[in-house]
Structures are given as structure tokens and as C-alpha cells.
Amino acid sequence: MKEEKLISVDEFCIHHHVEFSYMSNLREFGLIEIVTKNKVDYISEHQFEKIERILRLNQDLEINLEGIDAIQHLLQQVNAMQAEINRLTNRLRLYEDL
């Protein structure tokens, strides 16, 4: 099993110029997961892109966390539908080739 890379929330906050409380709010909304080890909070590397997208939505477009939560939910639905379309397209191609 591949070991997940973690970065401390404090480091992430310093690098991205956000308050720790903002990251706590993201966790409370269920938008991110924070792992605590030895009394230090960490986020996994695979969440960076998602968190950076959330920051852009909030800072650049001034969308609040409720709106971001709704957007994340809709994006998940779009991705699921796209996967279903791809699956059905592949299946259709199979029948067209017969």
C-alpha cells in the first residue's frame, strides 16, 4: 500500500495565506479531511487540488462555504454522470461492432 504524503495544516496555511480557522471551517462543512497525528493537524496531498479550488472560489469569486459545498456536490454528480456516459458509449460501441 502506498503511503500517503501529508503536510501540516499550519504549513499549508502559511503557503496559501489563509487562517487556520478557515481550514477548520472547511473540515466542519465536510469539504476536507484533516488528520491529527501527535497533536499536529495534517492534510493529505491528494486534497491539495480540491482545497486550492475551494480557495479560488472563495477568494476570487467570493462564494461562501455553503455555495462551495453545493458546487462540490454538483461537480461530483457531473463526474458520475460523465463516467456513466462513457460506460454507456463503450457498451454501445460494442454492439455497433457486431
N, C-alpha and C. Protein backbone atom coordinates (compact mmCIF):
# COMPACT_ATOMS: atom_id res chain seq x y z
N MET A 1 0.83 -1.18 0.00
CA MET A 1 0.00 0.00 0.00
C MET A 1 0.88 1.25 0.00
N LYS A 2 0.55 2.18 -0.87
CA LYS A 2 1.33 3.40 -0.99
C LYS A 2 1.07 4.33 0.19
N GLU A 3 2.14 4.85 0.77
CA GLU A 3 1.98 5.75 1.91
C GLU A 3 1.56 7.12 1.42
N GLU A 4 0.58 7.68 2.10
CA GLU A 4 0.03 8.98 1.72
C GLU A 4 0.92 10.10 2.25
N LYS A 5 1.22 11.07 1.38
CA LYS A 5 2.02 12.21 1.80
C LYS A 5 1.13 13.21 2.52
N LEU A 6 1.61 13.69 3.65
CA LEU A 6 0.87 14.65 4.46
C LEU A 6 1.65 15.94 4.60
N ILE A 7 0.93 17.03 4.72
CA ILE A 7 1.55 18.33 5.01
C ILE A 7 0.78 18.92 6.19
N SER A 8 1.49 19.59 7.05
CA SER A 8 0.81 20.17 8.21
C SER A 8 -0.12 21.29 7.75
N VAL A 9 -1.23 21.41 8.43
CA VAL A 9 -2.20 22.45 8.10
C VAL A 9 -1.56 23.82 8.28
N ASP A 10 -0.72 23.96 9.30
CA ASP A 10 -0.05 25.24 9.53
C ASP A 10 0.82 25.63 8.33
N GLU A 11 1.58 24.68 7.80
CA GLU A 11 2.42 24.96 6.62
C GLU A 11 1.56 25.35 5.42
N PHE A 12 0.50 24.60 5.21
CA PHE A 12 -0.40 24.88 4.09
C PHE A 12 -0.98 26.28 4.23
N CYS A 13 -1.39 26.64 5.43
CA CYS A 13 -1.98 27.96 5.68
C CYS A 13 -0.97 29.08 5.41
N ILE A 14 0.24 28.89 5.86
CA ILE A 14 1.29 29.90 5.63
C ILE A 14 1.54 30.06 4.14
N HIS A 15 1.67 28.95 3.44
CA HIS A 15 1.97 28.99 2.00
C HIS A 15 0.83 29.62 1.19
N HIS A 16 -0.42 29.37 1.61
CA HIS A 16 -1.57 29.86 0.85
C HIS A 16 -2.21 31.12 1.47
N HIS A 17 -1.61 31.65 2.52
CA HIS A 17 -2.06 32.89 3.16
C HIS A 17 -3.52 32.80 3.63
N VAL A 18 -3.83 31.72 4.34
CA VAL A 18 -5.16 31.55 4.93
C VAL A 18 -5.02 31.28 6.42
N GLU A 19 -6.07 31.58 7.14
CA GLU A 19 -6.09 31.34 8.58
C GLU A 19 -6.37 29.87 8.87
N PHE A 20 -5.84 29.40 9.99
CA PHE A 20 -6.11 28.02 10.42
C PHE A 20 -7.60 27.81 10.63
N SER A 21 -8.27 28.84 11.14
CA SER A 21 -9.71 28.72 11.39
C SER A 21 -10.48 28.47 10.11
N TYR A 22 -9.99 28.99 8.98
CA TYR A 22 -10.65 28.75 7.69
C TYR A 22 -10.59 27.27 7.35
N MET A 23 -9.44 26.66 7.58
CA MET A 23 -9.29 25.22 7.32
C MET A 23 -10.20 24.42 8.25
N SER A 24 -10.32 24.87 9.48
CA SER A 24 -11.23 24.21 10.43
C SER A 24 -12.67 24.30 9.94
N ASN A 25 -13.04 25.45 9.39
CA ASN A 25 -14.38 25.61 8.83
C ASN A 25 -14.61 24.67 7.66
N LEU A 26 -13.60 24.50 6.82
CA LEU A 26 -13.72 23.57 5.69
C LEU A 26 -13.96 22.15 6.20
N ARG A 27 -13.26 21.81 7.27
CA ARG A 27 -13.45 20.48 7.87
C ARG A 27 -14.86 20.34 8.44
N GLU A 28 -15.33 21.36 9.13
CA GLU A 28 -16.67 21.32 9.73
C GLU A 28 -17.76 21.16 8.67
N PHE A 29 -17.55 21.76 7.50
CA PHE A 29 -18.50 21.64 6.40
C PHE A 29 -18.38 20.31 5.68
N GLY A 30 -17.35 19.53 6.03
CA GLY A 30 -17.15 18.24 5.38
C GLY A 30 -16.50 18.36 4.02
N LEU A 31 -15.89 19.51 3.75
CA LEU A 31 -15.26 19.73 2.45
C LEU A 31 -13.86 19.14 2.38
N ILE A 32 -13.19 19.02 3.53
CA ILE A 32 -11.85 18.43 3.57
C ILE A 32 -11.75 17.52 4.79
N GLU A 33 -10.72 16.68 4.76
CA GLU A 33 -10.41 15.83 5.90
C GLU A 33 -9.08 16.28 6.47
N ILE A 34 -9.05 16.40 7.78
CA ILE A 34 -7.81 16.75 8.48
C ILE A 34 -7.48 15.58 9.40
N VAL A 35 -6.22 15.13 9.31
CA VAL A 35 -5.74 14.02 10.12
C VAL A 35 -4.87 14.59 11.23
N THR A 36 -5.08 14.13 12.44
CA THR A 36 -4.27 14.59 13.57
C THR A 36 -3.33 13.46 14.01
N LYS A 37 -2.03 13.78 14.02
CA LYS A 37 -1.02 12.85 14.50
C LYS A 37 -0.11 13.60 15.45
N ASN A 38 0.08 13.04 16.63
CA ASN A 38 0.95 13.67 17.64
C ASN A 38 0.57 15.13 17.88
N LYS A 39 -0.73 15.38 17.97
CA LYS A 39 -1.28 16.70 18.26
C LYS A 39 -1.00 17.73 17.16
N VAL A 40 -0.66 17.26 15.95
CA VAL A 40 -0.44 18.15 14.81
C VAL A 40 -1.46 17.78 13.74
N ASP A 41 -2.12 18.80 13.18
CA ASP A 41 -3.11 18.57 12.13
C ASP A 41 -2.44 18.55 10.75
N TYR A 42 -2.85 17.57 9.94
CA TYR A 42 -2.30 17.39 8.59
C TYR A 42 -3.42 17.25 7.57
N ILE A 43 -3.09 17.60 6.34
CA ILE A 43 -3.97 17.29 5.21
C ILE A 43 -3.17 16.45 4.23
N SER A 44 -3.87 15.57 3.52
CA SER A 44 -3.18 14.70 2.58
C SER A 44 -2.95 15.43 1.26
N GLU A 45 -1.91 15.00 0.58
CA GLU A 45 -1.50 15.62 -0.68
C GLU A 45 -2.61 15.53 -1.73
N HIS A 46 -3.38 14.44 -1.72
CA HIS A 46 -4.41 14.29 -2.75
C HIS A 46 -5.54 15.31 -2.61
N GLN A 47 -5.60 16.03 -1.50
CA GLN A 47 -6.63 17.05 -1.29
C GLN A 47 -6.19 18.45 -1.75
N PHE A 48 -4.90 18.63 -2.08
CA PHE A 48 -4.39 19.96 -2.39
C PHE A 48 -5.18 20.63 -3.52
N GLU A 49 -5.38 19.91 -4.61
CA GLU A 49 -6.08 20.49 -5.76
C GLU A 49 -7.49 20.94 -5.36
N LYS A 50 -8.17 20.10 -4.62
CA LYS A 50 -9.53 20.41 -4.17
C LYS A 50 -9.53 21.64 -3.27
N ILE A 51 -8.60 21.70 -2.32
CA ILE A 51 -8.54 22.83 -1.40
C ILE A 51 -8.19 24.11 -2.14
N GLU A 52 -7.27 24.03 -3.08
CA GLU A 52 -6.90 25.21 -3.86
C GLU A 52 -8.07 25.70 -4.69
N ARG A 53 -8.87 24.78 -5.24
CA ARG A 53 -10.07 25.16 -5.99
C ARG A 53 -11.06 25.86 -5.05
N ILE A 54 -11.23 25.33 -3.85
CA ILE A 54 -12.12 25.94 -2.86
C ILE A 54 -11.64 27.35 -2.52
N LEU A 55 -10.35 27.51 -2.33
CA LEU A 55 -9.79 28.83 -2.02
C LEU A 55 -10.06 29.83 -3.14
N ARG A 56 -9.88 29.39 -4.39
CA ARG A 56 -10.14 30.28 -5.52
C ARG A 56 -11.61 30.68 -5.59
N LEU A 57 -12.50 29.71 -5.40
CA LEU A 57 -13.92 30.02 -5.41
C LEU A 57 -14.28 31.03 -4.32
N ASN A 58 -13.68 30.85 -3.15
CA ASN A 58 -13.98 31.73 -2.02
C ASN A 58 -13.32 33.10 -2.18
N GLN A 59 -12.05 33.12 -2.51
CA GLN A 59 -11.32 34.39 -2.54
C GLN A 59 -11.56 35.18 -3.82
N ASP A 60 -11.53 34.51 -4.97
CA ASP A 60 -11.66 35.22 -6.24
C ASP A 60 -13.11 35.54 -6.58
N LEU A 61 -14.00 34.59 -6.31
CA LEU A 61 -15.41 34.77 -6.68
C LEU A 61 -16.30 35.10 -5.50
N GLU A 62 -15.71 35.13 -4.30
CA GLU A 62 -16.42 35.46 -3.06
C GLU A 62 -17.64 34.57 -2.83
N ILE A 63 -17.48 33.28 -3.11
CA ILE A 63 -18.54 32.30 -2.85
C ILE A 63 -18.35 31.79 -1.43
N ASN A 64 -19.44 31.78 -0.66
CA ASN A 64 -19.35 31.33 0.73
C ASN A 64 -19.27 29.80 0.80
N LEU A 65 -19.03 29.29 1.99
CA LEU A 65 -18.82 27.85 2.15
C LEU A 65 -20.05 27.04 1.79
N GLU A 66 -21.23 27.57 2.05
CA GLU A 66 -22.46 26.87 1.67
C GLU A 66 -22.53 26.72 0.16
N GLY A 67 -22.18 27.78 -0.56
CA GLY A 67 -22.17 27.74 -2.02
C GLY A 67 -21.11 26.78 -2.54
N ILE A 68 -19.95 26.79 -1.91
CA ILE A 68 -18.87 25.89 -2.32
C ILE A 68 -19.29 24.44 -2.09
N ASP A 69 -19.96 24.19 -0.97
CA ASP A 69 -20.45 22.84 -0.70
C ASP A 69 -21.41 22.39 -1.79
N ALA A 70 -22.32 23.27 -2.20
CA ALA A 70 -23.27 22.95 -3.27
C ALA A 70 -22.53 22.71 -4.59
N ILE A 71 -21.55 23.53 -4.88
CA ILE A 71 -20.77 23.38 -6.12
C ILE A 71 -20.03 22.04 -6.11
N GLN A 72 -19.41 21.70 -4.99
CA GLN A 72 -18.70 20.42 -4.89
C GLN A 72 -19.65 19.25 -5.14
N HIS A 73 -20.85 19.32 -4.56
CA HIS A 73 -21.84 18.27 -4.74
C HIS A 73 -22.23 18.16 -6.21
N LEU A 74 -22.47 19.28 -6.85
CA LEU A 74 -22.84 19.27 -8.27
C LEU A 74 -21.71 18.74 -9.14
N LEU A 75 -20.47 19.10 -8.82
CA LEU A 75 -19.32 18.59 -9.58
C LEU A 75 -19.20 17.08 -9.46
N GLN A 76 -19.47 16.55 -8.27
CA GLN A 76 -19.45 15.11 -8.08
C GLN A 76 -20.52 14.44 -8.93
N GLN A 77 -21.69 15.05 -8.99
CA GLN A 77 -22.76 14.49 -9.81
C GLN A 77 -22.40 14.54 -11.29
N VAL A 78 -21.82 15.63 -11.75
CA VAL A 78 -21.40 15.75 -13.14
C VAL A 78 -20.36 14.69 -13.47
N ASN A 79 -19.39 14.49 -12.59
CA ASN A 79 -18.35 13.48 -12.82
C ASN A 79 -18.95 12.08 -12.87
N ALA A 80 -19.91 11.80 -12.00
CA ALA A 80 -20.57 10.49 -12.00
C ALA A 80 -21.35 10.29 -13.30
N MET A 81 -22.04 11.33 -13.74
CA MET A 81 -22.79 11.24 -15.00
C MET A 81 -21.86 11.06 -16.18
N GLN A 82 -20.73 11.75 -16.17
CA GLN A 82 -19.76 11.60 -17.27
C GLN A 82 -19.21 10.18 -17.30
N ALA A 83 -18.95 9.61 -16.16
CA ALA A 83 -18.47 8.23 -16.10
C ALA A 83 -19.54 7.28 -16.65
N GLU A 84 -20.79 7.54 -16.32
CA GLU A 84 -21.89 6.72 -16.82
C GLU A 84 -22.03 6.87 -18.33
N ILE A 85 -21.90 8.07 -18.85
CA ILE A 85 -21.96 8.30 -20.29
C ILE A 85 -20.83 7.54 -20.99
N ASN A 86 -19.64 7.60 -20.44
CA ASN A 86 -18.50 6.88 -21.02
C ASN A 86 -18.75 5.38 -21.03
N ARG A 87 -19.29 4.87 -19.93
CA ARG A 87 -19.59 3.44 -19.84
C ARG A 87 -20.62 3.03 -20.88
N LEU A 88 -21.67 3.82 -21.00
CA LEU A 88 -22.72 3.51 -21.96
C LEU A 88 -22.24 3.66 -23.41
N THR A 89 -21.40 4.64 -23.66
CA THR A 89 -20.83 4.82 -25.00
C THR A 89 -19.99 3.62 -25.38
N ASN A 90 -19.17 3.14 -24.46
CA ASN A 90 -18.34 1.96 -24.72
C ASN A 90 -19.21 0.74 -24.98
N ARG A 91 -20.26 0.62 -24.21
CA ARG A 91 -21.18 -0.51 -24.40
C ARG A 91 -21.87 -0.44 -25.76
N LEU A 92 -22.27 0.75 -26.15
CA LEU A 92 -22.92 0.95 -27.45
C LEU A 92 -21.96 0.60 -28.58
N ARG A 93 -20.71 1.00 -28.45
CA ARG A 93 -19.71 0.67 -29.47
C ARG A 93 -19.55 -0.84 -29.61
N LEU A 94 -19.64 -1.53 -28.50
CA LEU A 94 -19.53 -2.99 -28.52
C LEU A 94 -20.64 -3.58 -29.39
N TYR A 95 -21.86 -3.08 -29.23
CA TYR A 95 -23.00 -3.59 -30.00
C TYR A 95 -22.94 -3.14 -31.46
N GLU A 96 -22.40 -1.94 -31.70
CA GLU A 96 -22.29 -1.45 -33.07
C GLU A 96 -21.28 -2.28 -33.87
N ASP A 97 -20.29 -2.81 -33.20
CA ASP A 97 -19.25 -3.60 -33.86
C ASP A 97 -19.72 -5.00 -34.22
N LEU A 98 -20.85 -5.43 -33.72
CA LEU A 98 -21.36 -6.78 -34.00
C LEU A 98 -21.87 -6.92 -35.40
